[in-house]
Amino acid sequence: MHAILPAGLPVQEIWDLIIDEIPSKKDLQSCSLVCRAFVARAQFPLFRLIYIWKITHQQTVATAIALASLLAASPHLIPRIRSLNLGACDADVLSSLVQIPWTHLESISLGLCVPGADFRRIPNLVCLGSLVCLGSLRAVVFSGGQWKTEDIAQVLSHCTPHLARVEFFECGFAAADVPLVSQCRAPKIQRLYFKDGPMPGTLIDYPLPWDLSALTHVRSTIESLHFDGIDHGIESLDLSIFPALKYLTSDDMGCSFNALLTSLPPNNTIDTICIRWFGQIPRLVAEFQKTFIPLKLPVIRHVEVEVAPETSSFRYNATELRKRFQRDLSQIHERGLLSVHFMAATRAEAYT
């Protein structure tokens, strides 16, 4: 049901409300051509988000050049552009974009994803610095597995204190020593977002030029953490900084995960510890029990083991496998905490 327009509404506002209901870009383009009263409102959704991202690097460069030419001929369109999504960040793509006098650009996505780009020359940090230093910029997105932490540091060092959001999409973060980048007014990040990629230690361990103090409250809300149990990096994590933590999951039963458990404070709120893997039964099952038994876990209810009894390399009898875990984790089993879950491609059976 559409809202009834109030009587006496100015004609231009009526036209604007009608245009806002048009979903088709083709129709919006037609509106911007047929009547001067439609132009501004129709152009805004058409130019709000600009993609400089094509199938090939050559096409991506051509798109960037075409945009710069269009805005040079029609500068009134520049304030309409609020978000810029780049598929490549080399000089060929950026050289024309940095010449544009951006006024209202709020978000920029920096991708290293276009096939055929010369990754040895990208990202071009000089050009990127000219883009991200805009006072209007509020968000920066890093996209693609080619990003290195030292390059991220350089990009962030050019951002103004007005930057509030940093996002990472499919970023692998190649390990590297990040030089300390001096910046007297680091942007105070209000939102840190990771998608389809890990949160690497390099973003925590190295002095990136950003202020994350506004995010310290997040740790008090985290209830579940998932680790790679053989990653030595987790041994230095202090679980006592997560007061609401209830669920711990590890993809392996390794020494690193055992060491991590010892950082739990006596007044922890851990409800469930889950160990899961696919393949050969780990040799450290007994070691896990030795670590677990002395722990102070006042509200623990479950210790779950999830394993695929049949894989391409290993095959086990589910019943025998359950008995083996009950034997190797006998003290946990006797306390009524142990659950063994057998996962298969088509079904999952649980034994307690």
Protein backbone atom coordinates (compact mmCIF):
# COMPACT_ATOMS: atom_id res chain seq x y z
CA MET A 1 0.00 0.00 0.00
CA HIS A 2 1.40 3.39 -0.98
CA ALA A 3 1.26 6.34 1.37
CA ILE A 4 -1.27 9.07 0.53
CA LEU A 5 0.54 12.25 -0.43
CA PRO A 6 -0.36 15.28 1.68
CA ALA A 7 -2.36 18.00 -0.02
CA GLY A 8 -0.40 20.95 -1.28
CA LEU A 9 2.87 19.03 -1.77
CA PRO A 10 5.10 20.94 -4.21
CA VAL A 11 5.05 19.52 -7.72
CA GLN A 12 8.81 18.86 -7.76
CA GLU A 13 8.59 16.76 -4.58
CA ILE A 14 5.80 14.73 -6.18
CA TRP A 15 7.98 14.06 -9.21
CA ASP A 16 10.87 13.09 -6.92
CA LEU A 17 8.71 10.60 -5.02
CA ILE A 18 7.55 9.03 -8.28
CA ILE A 19 11.09 8.72 -9.63
CA ASP A 20 12.23 7.12 -6.37
CA GLU A 21 9.87 4.23 -7.13
CA ILE A 22 11.48 3.45 -10.51
CA PRO A 23 13.76 0.38 -10.17
CA SER A 24 15.00 0.13 -13.77
CA LYS A 25 18.22 1.93 -14.70
CA LYS A 26 17.04 2.12 -18.29
CA ASP A 27 13.85 3.89 -17.21
CA LEU A 28 15.83 6.25 -14.99
CA GLN A 29 18.05 7.12 -17.93
CA SER A 30 14.97 7.87 -20.01
CA CYS A 31 13.59 10.10 -17.25
CA SER A 32 16.81 12.09 -17.08
CA LEU A 33 16.54 12.80 -20.82
CA VAL A 34 12.89 13.73 -21.27
CA CYS A 35 12.38 16.45 -18.67
CA ARG A 36 14.62 18.90 -16.82
CA ALA A 37 12.55 18.42 -13.65
CA PHE A 38 13.48 14.73 -13.62
CA VAL A 39 17.22 15.08 -14.19
CA ALA A 40 18.66 15.53 -10.70
CA ARG A 41 16.54 12.88 -9.01
CA ALA A 42 17.00 10.32 -11.78
CA GLN A 43 20.75 10.82 -11.95
CA PHE A 44 21.37 10.22 -8.26
CA PRO A 45 20.61 6.45 -8.21
CA LEU A 46 22.32 6.08 -11.59
CA PHE A 47 25.61 7.53 -10.37
CA ARG A 48 25.54 6.84 -6.63
CA LEU A 49 27.63 3.65 -7.02
CA ILE A 50 30.21 3.41 -9.80
CA TYR A 51 31.93 0.14 -10.74
CA ILE A 52 35.35 0.28 -12.40
CA TRP A 53 35.56 -3.48 -12.66
CA LYS A 54 35.42 -5.41 -15.92
CA ILE A 55 36.34 -8.91 -17.10
CA THR A 56 39.80 -7.89 -18.31
CA HIS A 57 42.32 -5.36 -17.10
CA GLN A 58 42.23 -3.54 -20.44
CA GLN A 59 38.46 -3.08 -20.18
CA THR A 60 38.80 -1.91 -16.59
CA VAL A 61 41.31 0.76 -17.62
CA ALA A 62 39.03 1.85 -20.46
CA THR A 63 36.11 2.19 -18.04
CA ALA A 64 38.15 4.41 -15.71
CA ILE A 65 39.19 6.65 -18.59
CA ALA A 66 35.60 6.87 -19.85
CA LEU A 67 34.34 7.88 -16.39
CA ALA A 68 36.97 10.60 -16.07
CA SER A 69 36.05 11.95 -19.52
CA LEU A 70 32.35 11.95 -18.69
CA LEU A 71 32.86 13.82 -15.42
CA ALA A 72 35.19 16.33 -17.07
CA ALA A 73 32.42 17.15 -19.55
CA SER A 74 29.65 17.00 -16.92
CA PRO A 75 31.15 18.04 -13.56
CA HIS A 76 27.68 18.45 -12.04
CA LEU A 77 27.58 14.62 -11.84
CA ILE A 78 30.53 14.42 -9.44
CA PRO A 79 28.49 15.15 -6.27
CA ARG A 80 26.12 12.34 -7.21
CA ILE A 81 28.87 9.71 -6.81
CA ARG A 82 29.05 8.39 -3.25
CA SER A 83 30.70 4.96 -3.71
CA LEU A 84 33.51 3.82 -6.00
CA ASN A 85 34.24 0.12 -6.55
CA LEU A 86 37.61 -0.63 -8.18
CA GLY A 87 38.60 -4.02 -9.56
CA ALA A 88 42.25 -3.04 -9.98
CA CYS A 89 44.44 -0.42 -8.31
CA ASP A 90 47.42 0.06 -10.61
CA ALA A 91 48.51 3.35 -12.13
CA ASP A 92 46.75 2.66 -15.44
CA VAL A 93 43.39 2.51 -13.65
CA LEU A 94 44.00 5.18 -11.03
CA SER A 95 45.83 7.88 -12.97
CA SER A 96 42.64 9.22 -14.56
CA LEU A 97 40.53 8.79 -11.40
CA VAL A 98 42.81 10.87 -9.18
CA GLN A 99 42.31 13.83 -11.52
CA ILE A 100 38.61 13.97 -10.68
CA PRO A 101 37.77 16.63 -8.04
CA TRP A 102 35.74 14.33 -5.78
CA THR A 103 33.43 16.19 -3.41
CA HIS A 104 31.01 13.67 -1.90
CA LEU A 105 32.76 10.31 -2.21
CA GLU A 106 31.95 8.38 0.99
CA SER A 107 33.10 4.81 0.28
CA ILE A 108 35.79 3.23 -1.87
CA SER A 109 36.41 -0.47 -2.51
CA LEU A 110 39.98 -1.30 -3.50
CA GLY A 111 40.15 -4.57 -5.41
CA LEU A 112 43.07 -6.61 -6.66
CA CYS A 113 40.87 -9.01 -8.56
CA VAL A 114 40.87 -8.24 -12.29
CA PRO A 115 42.56 -10.99 -14.37
CA GLY A 116 45.53 -9.85 -16.40
CA ALA A 117 46.61 -7.01 -14.13
CA ASP A 118 50.32 -6.71 -13.45
CA PHE A 119 50.36 -7.51 -9.76
CA ARG A 120 54.01 -6.53 -9.50
CA ARG A 121 53.00 -2.91 -10.10
CA ILE A 122 49.88 -2.79 -7.98
CA PRO A 123 48.57 -1.36 -5.87
CA ASN A 124 49.89 2.06 -6.81
CA LEU A 125 50.18 3.52 -3.32
CA VAL A 126 50.84 7.07 -4.49
CA CYS A 127 47.58 7.24 -6.45
CA LEU A 128 45.67 5.44 -3.71
CA GLY A 129 46.92 7.96 -1.18
CA SER A 130 45.40 10.74 -3.29
CA LEU A 131 42.03 8.99 -3.28
CA VAL A 132 41.71 7.90 0.33
CA CYS A 133 42.81 11.25 1.79
CA LEU A 134 39.44 12.78 0.89
CA GLY A 135 37.72 14.39 3.86
CA SER A 136 34.37 13.00 2.74
CA LEU A 137 35.56 9.37 2.87
CA ARG A 138 33.96 7.28 5.62
CA ALA A 139 34.65 3.68 4.51
CA VAL A 140 37.45 1.73 2.81
CA VAL A 141 37.07 -1.86 1.60
CA PHE A 142 40.09 -4.04 0.73
CA SER A 143 39.15 -6.84 -1.67
CA GLY A 144 41.23 -9.69 -3.07
CA GLY A 145 43.90 -12.09 -1.88
CA GLN A 146 46.83 -10.06 -3.24
CA TRP A 147 46.73 -7.41 -0.54
CA LYS A 148 49.76 -7.26 1.75
CA THR A 149 49.66 -5.89 5.24
CA GLU A 150 52.33 -3.26 4.60
CA ASP A 151 50.30 -1.93 1.65
CA ILE A 152 47.19 -1.76 3.82
CA ALA A 153 49.20 0.21 6.36
CA GLN A 154 50.32 2.68 3.71
CA VAL A 155 46.78 3.19 2.43
CA LEU A 156 45.36 3.72 5.92
CA SER A 157 48.13 6.18 6.74
CA HIS A 158 46.66 8.59 4.17
CA CYS A 159 43.10 8.41 5.52
CA THR A 160 41.66 11.25 7.53
CA PRO A 161 40.29 10.93 11.08
CA HIS A 162 36.81 10.90 9.53
CA LEU A 163 37.26 7.31 8.30
CA ALA A 164 34.95 5.14 10.42
CA ARG A 165 34.70 1.75 8.70
CA VAL A 166 37.25 -0.69 7.27
CA GLU A 167 36.19 -3.93 5.58
CA PHE A 168 38.14 -6.90 4.22
CA PHE A 169 36.73 -9.23 1.56
CA GLU A 170 38.58 -12.41 0.54
CA CYS A 171 41.86 -10.98 1.80
CA GLY A 172 44.70 -13.39 2.49
CA PHE A 173 47.14 -10.88 4.03
CA ALA A 174 50.62 -12.04 3.03
CA ALA A 175 52.87 -12.00 6.06
CA ALA A 176 55.31 -9.12 6.07
CA ASP A 177 57.02 -6.75 8.44
CA VAL A 178 54.92 -3.62 8.63
CA PRO A 179 56.92 -0.44 9.21
CA LEU A 180 55.62 1.96 11.79
CA VAL A 181 53.75 4.66 9.91
CA SER A 182 53.66 7.91 11.81
CA GLN A 183 50.31 9.64 11.77
CA CYS A 184 49.30 12.18 14.37
CA ARG A 185 45.56 11.77 13.76
CA ALA A 186 44.72 8.15 13.07
CA PRO A 187 41.17 7.39 11.93
CA LYS A 188 39.03 6.05 14.76
CA ILE A 189 37.42 2.92 13.34
CA GLN A 190 33.81 2.29 14.35
CA ARG A 191 33.32 -0.88 12.31
CA LEU A 192 35.76 -3.64 11.34
CA TYR A 193 34.32 -6.30 9.01
CA PHE A 194 35.80 -9.52 7.57
CA LYS A 195 34.09 -11.60 4.90
CA ASP A 196 35.30 -14.84 3.26
CA GLY A 197 38.71 -14.50 4.83
CA PRO A 198 40.47 -14.87 8.18
CA MET A 199 41.18 -12.13 10.67
CA PRO A 200 44.98 -12.27 10.50
CA GLY A 201 47.28 -11.68 13.41
CA THR A 202 49.19 -9.12 11.38
CA LEU A 203 46.32 -6.67 11.80
CA ILE A 204 46.62 -7.01 15.55
CA ASP A 205 50.35 -7.53 16.04
CA TYR A 206 51.65 -4.72 13.84
CA PRO A 207 51.19 -0.98 14.40
CA LEU A 208 48.73 -0.16 11.67
CA PRO A 209 47.79 3.53 11.51
CA TRP A 210 44.28 3.28 12.89
CA ASP A 211 42.57 3.69 16.25
CA LEU A 212 40.55 0.62 17.27
CA SER A 213 39.74 1.85 20.77
CA ALA A 214 36.09 2.27 19.80
CA LEU A 215 35.87 -1.48 19.17
CA THR A 216 37.12 -2.67 22.55
CA HIS A 217 33.54 -3.26 23.71
CA VAL A 218 33.17 -6.00 21.07
CA ARG A 219 35.22 -8.49 23.07
CA SER A 220 32.66 -8.37 25.89
CA THR A 221 29.90 -9.54 23.51
CA ILE A 222 31.66 -12.49 21.82
CA GLU A 223 30.12 -15.83 22.79
CA SER A 224 31.74 -18.21 20.29
CA LEU A 225 35.28 -18.62 18.92
CA HIS A 226 36.50 -21.06 16.26
CA PHE A 227 40.20 -21.94 15.98
CA ASP A 228 42.66 -24.01 14.03
CA GLY A 229 43.89 -26.15 16.91
CA ILE A 230 47.40 -26.63 15.51
CA ASP A 231 48.00 -22.94 14.77
CA HIS A 232 50.79 -21.89 17.11
CA GLY A 233 49.58 -18.31 16.92
CA ILE A 234 46.58 -19.01 19.15
CA GLU A 235 48.78 -19.89 22.12
CA SER A 236 49.34 -16.21 22.88
CA LEU A 237 45.62 -15.41 22.99
CA ASP A 238 44.28 -14.73 26.48
CA LEU A 239 40.71 -16.05 26.68
CA SER A 240 40.07 -14.08 29.86
CA ILE A 241 39.44 -10.98 27.73
CA PHE A 242 36.17 -12.55 26.50
CA PRO A 243 33.90 -12.51 29.58
CA ALA A 244 30.80 -13.77 27.70
CA LEU A 245 32.53 -16.68 25.93
CA LYS A 246 30.40 -19.86 25.91
CA TYR A 247 31.49 -21.98 22.94
CA LEU A 248 34.98 -23.01 21.85
CA THR A 249 35.52 -24.94 18.62
CA SER A 250 38.81 -26.33 17.31
CA ASP A 251 39.47 -27.96 13.94
CA ASP A 252 42.10 -30.20 15.48
CA MET A 253 43.16 -31.56 18.84
CA GLY A 254 46.63 -30.05 18.99
CA CYS A 255 49.08 -28.74 21.54
CA SER A 256 48.26 -25.15 20.62
CA PHE A 257 44.59 -25.56 21.46
CA ASN A 258 45.49 -27.27 24.73
CA ALA A 259 47.74 -24.34 25.61
CA LEU A 260 44.96 -21.92 24.74
CA LEU A 261 42.56 -23.61 27.17
CA THR A 262 44.88 -22.92 30.08
CA SER A 263 44.25 -19.18 29.67
CA LEU A 264 40.61 -19.58 30.72
CA PRO A 265 39.91 -17.73 33.98
CA PRO A 266 38.36 -19.68 36.91
CA ASN A 267 35.09 -17.76 36.60
CA ASN A 268 34.64 -18.51 32.88
CA THR A 269 31.25 -19.16 31.27
CA ILE A 270 32.29 -21.97 28.89
CA ASP A 271 29.30 -24.22 28.13
CA THR A 272 30.64 -26.32 25.23
CA ILE A 273 34.03 -27.31 23.86
CA CYS A 274 33.91 -28.89 20.40
CA ILE A 275 36.78 -30.69 18.65
CA ARG A 276 36.34 -31.66 15.01
CA TRP A 277 38.46 -32.97 12.18
CA PHE A 278 38.36 -35.10 9.06
CA GLY A 279 40.94 -37.84 8.70
CA GLN A 280 43.15 -39.86 10.99
CA ILE A 281 42.42 -39.81 14.71
CA PRO A 282 44.85 -37.43 16.39
CA ARG A 283 47.47 -38.85 18.69
CA LEU A 284 46.89 -36.12 21.26
CA VAL A 285 43.46 -37.25 22.49
CA ALA A 286 44.91 -38.30 25.85
CA GLU A 287 46.87 -35.04 26.08
CA PHE A 288 43.65 -33.09 25.62
CA GLN A 289 42.11 -34.93 28.58
CA LYS A 290 45.16 -34.18 30.74
CA THR A 291 44.73 -30.49 29.95
CA PHE A 292 40.96 -30.52 30.38
CA ILE A 293 40.62 -32.24 33.77
CA PRO A 294 42.45 -29.63 35.90
CA LEU A 295 40.59 -26.73 34.28
CA LYS A 296 38.05 -24.84 36.33
CA LEU A 297 34.90 -24.94 34.17
CA PRO A 298 32.00 -24.13 36.50
CA VAL A 299 29.21 -24.29 33.89
CA ILE A 300 30.58 -26.77 31.32
CA ARG A 301 27.88 -29.06 29.90
CA HIS A 302 29.32 -30.59 26.74
CA VAL A 303 32.59 -31.79 25.28
CA GLU A 304 31.75 -32.63 21.68
CA VAL A 305 33.88 -34.63 19.26
CA GLU A 306 32.91 -34.37 15.59
CA VAL A 307 34.66 -36.70 13.17
CA ALA A 308 34.04 -38.19 9.74
CA PRO A 309 34.45 -41.97 10.14
CA GLU A 310 34.82 -42.39 6.39
CA THR A 311 37.06 -40.22 4.25
CA SER A 312 39.00 -40.85 1.08
CA SER A 313 42.06 -41.83 3.13
CA PHE A 314 40.73 -43.33 6.34
CA ARG A 315 37.85 -45.65 7.17
CA TYR A 316 36.65 -46.59 10.63
CA ASN A 317 33.85 -48.55 12.19
CA ALA A 318 31.61 -45.99 13.89
CA THR A 319 30.91 -48.19 16.90
CA GLU A 320 34.58 -48.96 17.47
CA LEU A 321 35.45 -45.32 17.00
CA ARG A 322 32.96 -44.28 19.67
CA LYS A 323 34.39 -46.83 22.09
CA ARG A 324 37.89 -45.59 21.43
CA PHE A 325 37.00 -42.01 22.27
CA GLN A 326 35.16 -43.12 25.38
CA ARG A 327 38.29 -45.00 26.44
CA ASP A 328 40.81 -42.29 25.60
CA LEU A 329 38.59 -39.61 27.15
CA SER A 330 37.32 -41.82 29.97
CA GLN A 331 37.36 -39.18 32.71
CA ILE A 332 35.37 -36.76 30.57
CA HIS A 333 33.00 -39.57 29.58
CA GLU A 334 32.44 -40.59 33.21
CA ARG A 335 31.36 -37.05 34.05
CA GLY A 336 28.62 -37.33 31.41
CA LEU A 337 30.07 -34.55 29.27
CA LEU A 338 31.28 -36.45 26.20
CA SER A 339 29.36 -36.56 22.93
CA VAL A 340 30.79 -38.15 19.78
CA HIS A 341 29.26 -37.13 16.47
CA PHE A 342 29.95 -39.07 13.28
CA MET A 343 29.54 -36.93 10.20
CA ALA A 344 28.99 -38.40 6.76
CA ALA A 345 28.08 -36.91 3.41
CA THR A 346 24.40 -37.77 3.73
CA ARG A 347 23.72 -38.11 7.42
CA ALA A 348 25.04 -37.46 10.90
CA GLU A 349 24.64 -39.87 13.80
CA ALA A 350 25.23 -38.90 17.41
CA TYR A 351 26.25 -41.14 20.25
CA THR A 352 26.52 -40.04 23.84
